[in-house]
Amino acid sequence: ESEGKYFTTRNNSSLIVFKVPKNNIDGFNIA
C-alpha cells in the first residue's frame, strides 16, 4: 500500500526493508 512500511528476510540471516512513498516512484535509494 502507498505509505506502507515493509521488510522481508531470507535464511533468517539477510533482510531487506523499505518504505513506500505516497507519490509516483521513480527510483530506489538503497543502503
Full PDB file with SEQRES, HELIX, SHEET, SSBOND, CRYST1, ORIGX, SCALE, CONECT and MASTER records, all heavy atoms in Angstrom:
SEQRES   1 A   31  GLU SER GLU GLY LYS TYR PHE THR THR ARG ASN ASN SER          
SEQRES   2 A   31  SER LEU ILE VAL PHE LYS VAL PRO LYS ASN ASN ILE ASP          
SEQRES   3 A   31  GLY PHE ASN ILE ALA                                          
SHEET    1 AA1 2 LYS A   5  ARG A  10  0                                        
SHEET    2 AA1 2 SER A  14  LYS A  19 -1                                        
CRYST1    1.000    1.000    1.000  90.00  90.00  90.00 P 1           1          
ORIGX1      1.000000  0.000000  0.000000        0.00000                         
ORIGX2      0.000000  1.000000  0.000000        0.00000                         
ORIGX3      0.000000  0.000000  1.000000        0.00000                         
SCALE1      1.000000  0.000000  0.000000        0.00000                         
SCALE2      0.000000  1.000000  0.000000        0.00000                         
SCALE3      0.000000  0.000000  1.000000        0.00000                         
ATOM      1  N   GLU A   1       0.835  -1.194   0.000  1.00  0.00           N  
ATOM      2  CA  GLU A   1       0.000   0.000   0.000  1.00  0.00           C  
ATOM      3  C   GLU A   1       0.870   1.245   0.000  1.00  0.00           C  
ATOM      4  O   GLU A   1       2.003   1.231   0.509  1.00  0.00           O  
ATOM      5  CB  GLU A   1      -0.913   0.016   1.231  1.00  0.00           C  
ATOM      6  CG  GLU A   1      -1.914  -1.127   1.279  1.00  0.00           C  
ATOM      7  CD  GLU A   1      -2.789  -1.051   2.520  1.00  0.00           C  
ATOM      8  OE1 GLU A   1      -2.588  -0.121   3.337  1.00  0.00           O  
ATOM      9  OE2 GLU A   1      -3.671  -1.925   2.663  1.00  0.00           O  
ATOM     10  N   SER A   2       0.343   2.318  -0.551  1.00  0.00           N  
ATOM     11  CA  SER A   2       1.036   3.594  -0.504  1.00  0.00           C  
ATOM     12  C   SER A   2       1.293   3.993   0.933  1.00  0.00           C  
ATOM     13  O   SER A   2       0.420   3.843   1.801  1.00  0.00           O  
ATOM     14  CB  SER A   2       0.181   4.663  -1.202  1.00  0.00           C  
ATOM     15  OG  SER A   2       0.781   5.935  -1.094  1.00  0.00           O  
ATOM     16  N   GLU A   3       2.510   4.438   1.218  1.00  0.00           N  
ATOM     17  CA  GLU A   3       2.963   4.842   2.551  1.00  0.00           C  
ATOM     18  C   GLU A   3       3.089   3.661   3.514  1.00  0.00           C  
ATOM     19  O   GLU A   3       3.177   3.846   4.726  1.00  0.00           O  
ATOM     20  CB  GLU A   3       2.067   5.926   3.144  1.00  0.00           C  
ATOM     21  CG  GLU A   3       2.003   7.199   2.306  1.00  0.00           C  
ATOM     22  CD  GLU A   3       1.171   8.285   2.938  1.00  0.00           C  
ATOM     23  OE1 GLU A   3      -0.059   8.262   2.719  1.00  0.00           O  
ATOM     24  OE2 GLU A   3       1.755   9.147   3.633  1.00  0.00           O  
ATOM     25  N   GLY A   4       3.097   2.443   2.962  1.00  0.00           N  
ATOM     26  CA  GLY A   4       3.302   1.271   3.798  1.00  0.00           C  
ATOM     27  C   GLY A   4       4.777   1.076   4.127  1.00  0.00           C  
ATOM     28  O   GLY A   4       5.667   1.590   3.440  1.00  0.00           O  
ATOM     29  N   LYS A   5       5.038   0.312   5.190  1.00  0.00           N  
ATOM     30  CA  LYS A   5       6.406   0.021   5.639  1.00  0.00           C  
ATOM     31  C   LYS A   5       6.554  -1.492   5.759  1.00  0.00           C  
ATOM     32  O   LYS A   5       5.775  -2.136   6.479  1.00  0.00           O  
ATOM     33  CB  LYS A   5       6.687   0.708   6.979  1.00  0.00           C  
ATOM     34  CG  LYS A   5       6.530   2.219   6.945  1.00  0.00           C  
ATOM     35  CD  LYS A   5       6.944   2.890   8.245  1.00  0.00           C  
ATOM     36  CE  LYS A   5       6.042   2.532   9.401  1.00  0.00           C  
ATOM     37  NZ  LYS A   5       6.391   3.293  10.629  1.00  0.00           N  
ATOM     38  N   TYR A   6       7.562  -2.051   5.093  1.00  0.00           N  
ATOM     39  CA  TYR A   6       7.644  -3.499   4.965  1.00  0.00           C  
ATOM     40  C   TYR A   6       9.089  -3.992   5.082  1.00  0.00           C  
ATOM     41  O   TYR A   6      10.035  -3.246   4.836  1.00  0.00           O  
ATOM     42  CB  TYR A   6       7.100  -3.926   3.589  1.00  0.00           C  
ATOM     43  CG  TYR A   6       5.714  -3.435   3.296  1.00  0.00           C  
ATOM     44  CD1 TYR A   6       5.520  -2.252   2.564  1.00  0.00           C  
ATOM     45  CD2 TYR A   6       4.592  -4.128   3.739  1.00  0.00           C  
ATOM     46  CE1 TYR A   6       4.240  -1.791   2.280  1.00  0.00           C  
ATOM     47  CE2 TYR A   6       3.312  -3.665   3.468  1.00  0.00           C  
ATOM     48  CZ  TYR A   6       3.139  -2.505   2.742  1.00  0.00           C  
ATOM     49  OH  TYR A   6       1.877  -2.043   2.475  1.00  0.00           O  
ATOM     50  N   PHE A   7       9.217  -5.280   5.434  1.00  0.00           N  
ATOM     51  CA  PHE A   7      10.522  -5.938   5.366  1.00  0.00           C  
ATOM     52  C   PHE A   7      10.329  -7.411   5.064  1.00  0.00           C  
ATOM     53  O   PHE A   7       9.266  -7.988   5.297  1.00  0.00           O  
ATOM     54  CB  PHE A   7      11.321  -5.739   6.655  1.00  0.00           C  
ATOM     55  CG  PHE A   7      10.853  -6.559   7.834  1.00  0.00           C  
ATOM     56  CD1 PHE A   7      11.453  -7.777   8.141  1.00  0.00           C  
ATOM     57  CD2 PHE A   7       9.817  -6.110   8.648  1.00  0.00           C  
ATOM     58  CE1 PHE A   7      11.023  -8.536   9.236  1.00  0.00           C  
ATOM     59  CE2 PHE A   7       9.388  -6.846   9.746  1.00  0.00           C  
ATOM     60  CZ  PHE A   7       9.993  -8.072  10.036  1.00  0.00           C  
ATOM     61  N   THR A   8      11.379  -8.014   4.516  1.00  0.00           N  
ATOM     62  CA  THR A   8      11.386  -9.446   4.257  1.00  0.00           C  
ATOM     63  C   THR A   8      12.760  -9.994   4.612  1.00  0.00           C  
ATOM     64  O   THR A   8      13.756  -9.256   4.598  1.00  0.00           O  
ATOM     65  CB  THR A   8      11.039  -9.745   2.787  1.00  0.00           C  
ATOM     66  OG1 THR A   8      10.879 -11.163   2.607  1.00  0.00           O  
ATOM     67  CG2 THR A   8      12.128  -9.245   1.839  1.00  0.00           C  
ATOM     68  N   THR A   9      12.819 -11.270   4.937  1.00  0.00           N  
ATOM     69  CA  THR A   9      14.092 -11.907   5.293  1.00  0.00           C  
ATOM     70  C   THR A   9      14.322 -13.122   4.403  1.00  0.00           C  
ATOM     71  O   THR A   9      13.382 -13.688   3.829  1.00  0.00           O  
ATOM     72  CB  THR A   9      14.128 -12.347   6.764  1.00  0.00           C  
ATOM     73  OG1 THR A   9      13.148 -13.370   6.978  1.00  0.00           O  
ATOM     74  CG2 THR A   9      13.866 -11.171   7.689  1.00  0.00           C  
ATOM     75  N   ARG A  10      15.575 -13.499   4.298  1.00  0.00           N  
ATOM     76  CA  ARG A  10      15.942 -14.742   3.614  1.00  0.00           C  
ATOM     77  C   ARG A  10      16.965 -15.467   4.472  1.00  0.00           C  
ATOM     78  O   ARG A  10      17.943 -14.865   4.913  1.00  0.00           O  
ATOM     79  CB  ARG A  10      16.508 -14.460   2.219  1.00  0.00           C  
ATOM     80  CG  ARG A  10      16.877 -15.717   1.440  1.00  0.00           C  
ATOM     81  CD  ARG A  10      17.296 -15.422   0.017  1.00  0.00           C  
ATOM     82  NE  ARG A  10      16.149 -15.062  -0.826  1.00  0.00           N  
ATOM     83  CZ  ARG A  10      16.233 -14.850  -2.148  1.00  0.00           C  
ATOM     84  NH1 ARG A  10      17.418 -14.959  -2.760  1.00  0.00           N  
ATOM     85  NH2 ARG A  10      15.166 -14.527  -2.838  1.00  0.00           N  
ATOM     86  N   ASN A  11      16.694 -16.728   4.730  1.00  0.00           N  
ATOM     87  CA  ASN A  11      17.579 -17.581   5.528  1.00  0.00           C  
ATOM     88  C   ASN A  11      17.660 -17.104   6.983  1.00  0.00           C  
ATOM     89  O   ASN A  11      18.462 -17.592   7.760  1.00  0.00           O  
ATOM     90  CB  ASN A  11      18.986 -17.628   4.913  1.00  0.00           C  
ATOM     91  CG  ASN A  11      19.871 -18.687   5.537  1.00  0.00           C  
ATOM     92  OD1 ASN A  11      19.485 -19.855   5.637  1.00  0.00           O  
ATOM     93  ND2 ASN A  11      21.052 -18.294   5.987  1.00  0.00           N  
ATOM     94  N   ASN A  12      16.827 -16.148   7.359  1.00  0.00           N  
ATOM     95  CA  ASN A  12      16.897 -15.520   8.687  1.00  0.00           C  
ATOM     96  C   ASN A  12      18.285 -14.985   9.011  1.00  0.00           C  
ATOM     97  O   ASN A  12      18.646 -14.837  10.185  1.00  0.00           O  
ATOM     98  CB  ASN A  12      16.430 -16.495   9.776  1.00  0.00           C  
ATOM     99  CG  ASN A  12      14.936 -16.724   9.729  1.00  0.00           C  
ATOM    100  OD1 ASN A  12      14.180 -15.867   9.281  1.00  0.00           O  
ATOM    101  ND2 ASN A  12      14.494 -17.894  10.165  1.00  0.00           N  
ATOM    102  N   SER A  13      19.046 -14.672   7.954  1.00  0.00           N  
ATOM    103  CA  SER A  13      20.356 -14.051   8.152  1.00  0.00           C  
ATOM    104  C   SER A  13      20.559 -12.848   7.238  1.00  0.00           C  
ATOM    105  O   SER A  13      21.561 -12.148   7.367  1.00  0.00           O  
ATOM    106  CB  SER A  13      21.481 -15.069   7.930  1.00  0.00           C  
ATOM    107  OG  SER A  13      21.459 -15.576   6.603  1.00  0.00           O  
ATOM    108  N   SER A  14      19.620 -12.618   6.307  1.00  0.00           N  
ATOM    109  CA  SER A  14      19.620 -11.440   5.440  1.00  0.00           C  
ATOM    110  C   SER A  14      18.245 -10.792   5.501  1.00  0.00           C  
ATOM    111  O   SER A  14      17.237 -11.480   5.755  1.00  0.00           O  
ATOM    112  CB  SER A  14      19.951 -11.818   3.995  1.00  0.00           C  
ATOM    113  OG  SER A  14      21.268 -12.301   3.890  1.00  0.00           O  
ATOM    114  N   LEU A  15      18.215  -9.489   5.242  1.00  0.00           N  
ATOM    115  CA  LEU A  15      16.953  -8.750   5.392  1.00  0.00           C  
ATOM    116  C   LEU A  15      16.940  -7.562   4.443  1.00  0.00           C  
ATOM    117  O   LEU A  15      17.969  -6.912   4.231  1.00  0.00           O  
ATOM    118  CB  LEU A  15      16.807  -8.281   6.848  1.00  0.00           C  
ATOM    119  CG  LEU A  15      15.606  -7.420   7.243  1.00  0.00           C  
ATOM    120  CD1 LEU A  15      15.181  -7.737   8.692  1.00  0.00           C  
ATOM    121  CD2 LEU A  15      15.909  -5.934   7.124  1.00  0.00           C  
ATOM    122  N   ILE A  16      15.775  -7.281   3.864  1.00  0.00           N  
ATOM    123  CA  ILE A  16      15.563  -6.071   3.078  1.00  0.00           C  
ATOM    124  C   ILE A  16      14.327  -5.367   3.609  1.00  0.00           C  
ATOM    125  O   ILE A  16      13.279  -5.994   3.805  1.00  0.00           O  
ATOM    126  CB  ILE A  16      15.415  -6.384   1.577  1.00  0.00           C  
ATOM    127  CG1 ILE A  16      16.710  -6.990   1.029  1.00  0.00           C  
ATOM    128  CG2 ILE A  16      15.041  -5.119   0.794  1.00  0.00           C  
ATOM    129  CD1 ILE A  16      16.650  -7.376  -0.438  1.00  0.00           C  
ATOM    130  N   VAL A  17      14.456  -4.067   3.868  1.00  0.00           N  
ATOM    131  CA  VAL A  17      13.367  -3.272   4.442  1.00  0.00           C  
ATOM    132  C   VAL A  17      13.184  -2.030   3.583  1.00  0.00           C  
ATOM    133  O   VAL A  17      14.147  -1.465   3.063  1.00  0.00           O  
ATOM    134  CB  VAL A  17      13.678  -2.908   5.915  1.00  0.00           C  
ATOM    135  CG1 VAL A  17      15.019  -2.242   6.075  1.00  0.00           C  
ATOM    136  CG2 VAL A  17      12.575  -2.028   6.502  1.00  0.00           C  
ATOM    137  N   PHE A  18      11.922  -1.587   3.438  1.00  0.00           N  
ATOM    138  CA  PHE A  18      11.656  -0.428   2.584  1.00  0.00           C  
ATOM    139  C   PHE A  18      10.368   0.278   3.011  1.00  0.00           C  
ATOM    140  O   PHE A  18       9.507  -0.313   3.681  1.00  0.00           O  
ATOM    141  CB  PHE A  18      11.558  -0.850   1.111  1.00  0.00           C  
ATOM    142  CG  PHE A  18      10.524  -1.907   0.824  1.00  0.00           C  
ATOM    143  CD1 PHE A  18       9.234  -1.569   0.405  1.00  0.00           C  
ATOM    144  CD2 PHE A  18      10.834  -3.257   0.955  1.00  0.00           C  
ATOM    145  CE1 PHE A  18       8.287  -2.547   0.131  1.00  0.00           C  
ATOM    146  CE2 PHE A  18       9.883  -4.245   0.688  1.00  0.00           C  
ATOM    147  CZ  PHE A  18       8.610  -3.882   0.273  1.00  0.00           C  
ATOM    148  N   LYS A  19      10.273   1.540   2.621  1.00  0.00           N  
ATOM    149  CA  LYS A  19       9.071   2.347   2.814  1.00  0.00           C  
ATOM    150  C   LYS A  19       8.533   2.740   1.445  1.00  0.00           C  
ATOM    151  O   LYS A  19       9.299   3.109   0.554  1.00  0.00           O  
ATOM    152  CB  LYS A  19       9.394   3.626   3.600  1.00  0.00           C  
ATOM    153  CG  LYS A  19       9.903   3.430   5.009  1.00  0.00           C  
ATOM    154  CD  LYS A  19      10.229   4.788   5.627  1.00  0.00           C  
ATOM    155  CE  LYS A  19      10.753   4.669   7.044  1.00  0.00           C  
ATOM    156  NZ  LYS A  19      11.100   5.987   7.627  1.00  0.00           N  
ATOM    157  N   VAL A  20       7.212   2.678   1.276  1.00  0.00           N  
ATOM    158  CA  VAL A  20       6.588   3.043   0.009  1.00  0.00           C  
ATOM    159  C   VAL A  20       6.155   4.503   0.067  1.00  0.00           C  
ATOM    160  O   VAL A  20       5.271   4.848   0.858  1.00  0.00           O  
ATOM    161  CB  VAL A  20       5.369   2.146  -0.290  1.00  0.00           C  
ATOM    162  CG1 VAL A  20       4.757   2.533  -1.640  1.00  0.00           C  
ATOM    163  CG2 VAL A  20       5.768   0.672  -0.284  1.00  0.00           C  
ATOM    164  N   PRO A  21       6.765   5.382  -0.732  1.00  0.00           N  
ATOM    165  CA  PRO A  21       6.334   6.778  -0.739  1.00  0.00           C  
ATOM    166  C   PRO A  21       4.914   6.934  -1.281  1.00  0.00           C  
ATOM    167  O   PRO A  21       4.395   6.062  -1.989  1.00  0.00           O  
ATOM    168  CB  PRO A  21       7.347   7.457  -1.666  1.00  0.00           C  
ATOM    169  CG  PRO A  21       8.509   6.529  -1.735  1.00  0.00           C  
ATOM    170  CD  PRO A  21       7.922   5.156  -1.594  1.00  0.00           C  
ATOM    171  N   LYS A  22       4.311   8.058  -0.963  1.00  0.00           N  
ATOM    172  CA  LYS A  22       2.947   8.338  -1.408  1.00  0.00           C  
ATOM    173  C   LYS A  22       2.892   8.652  -2.889  1.00  0.00           C  
ATOM    174  O   LYS A  22       1.897   8.371  -3.562  1.00  0.00           O  
ATOM    175  CB  LYS A  22       2.388   9.516  -0.601  1.00  0.00           C  
ATOM    176  CG  LYS A  22       0.949   9.892  -0.929  1.00  0.00           C  
ATOM    177  CD  LYS A  22       0.484  11.037  -0.047  1.00  0.00           C  
ATOM    178  CE  LYS A  22      -0.962  11.413  -0.354  1.00  0.00           C  
ATOM    179  NZ  LYS A  22      -1.433  12.537   0.500  1.00  0.00           N  
ATOM    180  N   ASN A  23       3.957   9.236  -3.426  1.00  0.00           N  
ATOM    181  CA  ASN A  23       3.938   9.756  -4.782  1.00  0.00           C  
ATOM    182  C   ASN A  23       4.424   8.738  -5.802  1.00  0.00           C  
ATOM    183  O   ASN A  23       4.809   7.621  -5.455  1.00  0.00           O  
ATOM    184  CB  ASN A  23       4.813  11.014  -4.848  1.00  0.00           C  
ATOM    185  CG  ASN A  23       4.339  12.074  -3.880  1.00  0.00           C  
ATOM    186  OD1 ASN A  23       3.343  12.730  -4.108  1.00  0.00           O  
ATOM    187  ND2 ASN A  23       5.063  12.211  -2.770  1.00  0.00           N  
ATOM    188  N   ASN A  24       4.395   9.148  -7.068  1.00  0.00           N  
ATOM    189  CA  ASN A  24       4.887   8.308  -8.149  1.00  0.00           C  
ATOM    190  C   ASN A  24       6.361   7.995  -7.933  1.00  0.00           C  
ATOM    191  O   ASN A  24       7.194   8.895  -7.853  1.00  0.00           O  
ATOM    192  CB  ASN A  24       4.689   9.024  -9.488  1.00  0.00           C  
ATOM    193  CG  ASN A  24       5.126   8.170 -10.653  1.00  0.00           C  
ATOM    194  OD1 ASN A  24       4.776   6.997 -10.727  1.00  0.00           O  
ATOM    195  ND2 ASN A  24       5.888   8.758 -11.560  1.00  0.00           N  
ATOM    196  N   ILE A  25       6.704   6.724  -7.846  1.00  0.00           N  
ATOM    197  CA  ILE A  25       8.067   6.313  -7.522  1.00  0.00           C  
ATOM    198  C   ILE A  25       8.894   6.211  -8.800  1.00  0.00           C  
ATOM    199  O   ILE A  25       8.474   5.569  -9.765  1.00  0.00           O  
ATOM    200  CB  ILE A  25       8.050   4.961  -6.783  1.00  0.00           C  
ATOM    201  CG1 ILE A  25       7.238   5.081  -5.491  1.00  0.00           C  
ATOM    202  CG2 ILE A  25       9.470   4.485  -6.492  1.00  0.00           C  
ATOM    203  CD1 ILE A  25       6.786   3.759  -4.924  1.00  0.00           C  
ATOM    204  N   ASP A  26      10.063   6.861  -8.800  1.00  0.00           N  
ATOM    205  CA  ASP A  26      10.915   6.786  -9.983  1.00  0.00           C  
ATOM    206  C   ASP A  26      12.333   6.321  -9.663  1.00  0.00           C  
ATOM    207  O   ASP A  26      13.252   6.493 -10.459  1.00  0.00           O  
ATOM    208  CB  ASP A  26      10.951   8.129 -10.723  1.00  0.00           C  
ATOM    209  CG  ASP A  26      11.365   9.287  -9.828  1.00  0.00           C  
ATOM    210  OD1 ASP A  26      11.979   9.040  -8.771  1.00  0.00           O  
ATOM    211  OD2 ASP A  26      11.079  10.441 -10.188  1.00  0.00           O  
ATOM    212  N   GLY A  27      12.547   5.714  -8.486  1.00  0.00           N  
ATOM    213  CA  GLY A  27      13.865   5.190  -8.151  1.00  0.00           C  
ATOM    214  C   GLY A  27      13.907   4.623  -6.752  1.00  0.00           C  
ATOM    215  O   GLY A  27      12.944   4.748  -5.974  1.00  0.00           O  
ATOM    216  N   PHE A  28      15.036   3.991  -6.430  1.00  0.00           N  
ATOM    217  CA  PHE A  28      15.253   3.411  -5.100  1.00  0.00           C  
ATOM    218  C   PHE A  28      16.541   3.991  -4.515  1.00  0.00           C  
ATOM    219  O   PHE A  28      17.578   4.013  -5.181  1.00  0.00           O  
ATOM    220  CB  PHE A  28      15.385   1.886  -5.187  1.00  0.00           C  
ATOM    221  CG  PHE A  28      14.190   1.184  -5.756  1.00  0.00           C  
ATOM    222  CD1 PHE A  28      14.086   0.954  -7.130  1.00  0.00           C  
ATOM    223  CD2 PHE A  28      13.164   0.761  -4.935  1.00  0.00           C  
ATOM    224  CE1 PHE A  28      12.987   0.307  -7.666  1.00  0.00           C  
ATOM    225  CE2 PHE A  28      12.055   0.104  -5.465  1.00  0.00           C  
ATOM    226  CZ  PHE A  28      11.965  -0.123  -6.833  1.00  0.00           C  
ATOM    227  N   ASN A  29      16.474   4.471  -3.285  1.00  0.00           N  
ATOM    228  CA  ASN A  29      17.667   4.877  -2.537  1.00  0.00           C  
ATOM    229  C   ASN A  29      18.022   3.740  -1.596  1.00  0.00           C  
ATOM    230  O   ASN A  29      17.364   3.546  -0.569  1.00  0.00           O  
ATOM    231  CB  ASN A  29      17.410   6.168  -1.766  1.00  0.00           C  
ATOM    232  CG  ASN A  29      17.390   7.390  -2.666  1.00  0.00           C  
ATOM    233  OD1 ASN A  29      17.652   7.304  -3.854  1.00  0.00           O  
ATOM    234  ND2 ASN A  29      17.066   8.549  -2.100  1.00  0.00           N  
ATOM    235  N   ILE A  30      19.059   2.980  -1.931  1.00  0.00           N  
ATOM    236  CA  ILE A  30      19.367   1.723  -1.240  1.00  0.00           C  
ATOM    237  C   ILE A  30      20.667   1.844  -0.461  1.00  0.00           C  
ATOM    238  O   ILE A  30      21.702   2.250  -1.001  1.00  0.00           O  
ATOM    239  CB  ILE A  30      19.503   0.562  -2.253  1.00  0.00           C  
ATOM    240  CG1 ILE A  30      18.295   0.496  -3.183  1.00  0.00           C  
ATOM    241  CG2 ILE A  30      19.693  -0.765  -1.513  1.00  0.00           C  
ATOM    242  CD1 ILE A  30      18.494  -0.432  -4.375  1.00  0.00           C  
ATOM    243  N   ALA A  31      20.628   1.491   0.806  1.00  0.00           N  
ATOM    244  CA  ALA A  31      21.832   1.317   1.616  1.00  0.00           C  
ATOM    245  C   ALA A  31      22.039  -0.174   1.837  1.00  0.00           C  
ATOM    246  O   ALA A  31      21.085  -0.894   2.161  1.00  0.00           O  
ATOM    247  CB  ALA A  31      21.710   2.034   2.947  1.00  0.00           C  
TER     248      ALA A  31                                                      
MASTER        0    0    0    0    2    0    0    6  247    1    0    3          
END                                                                             
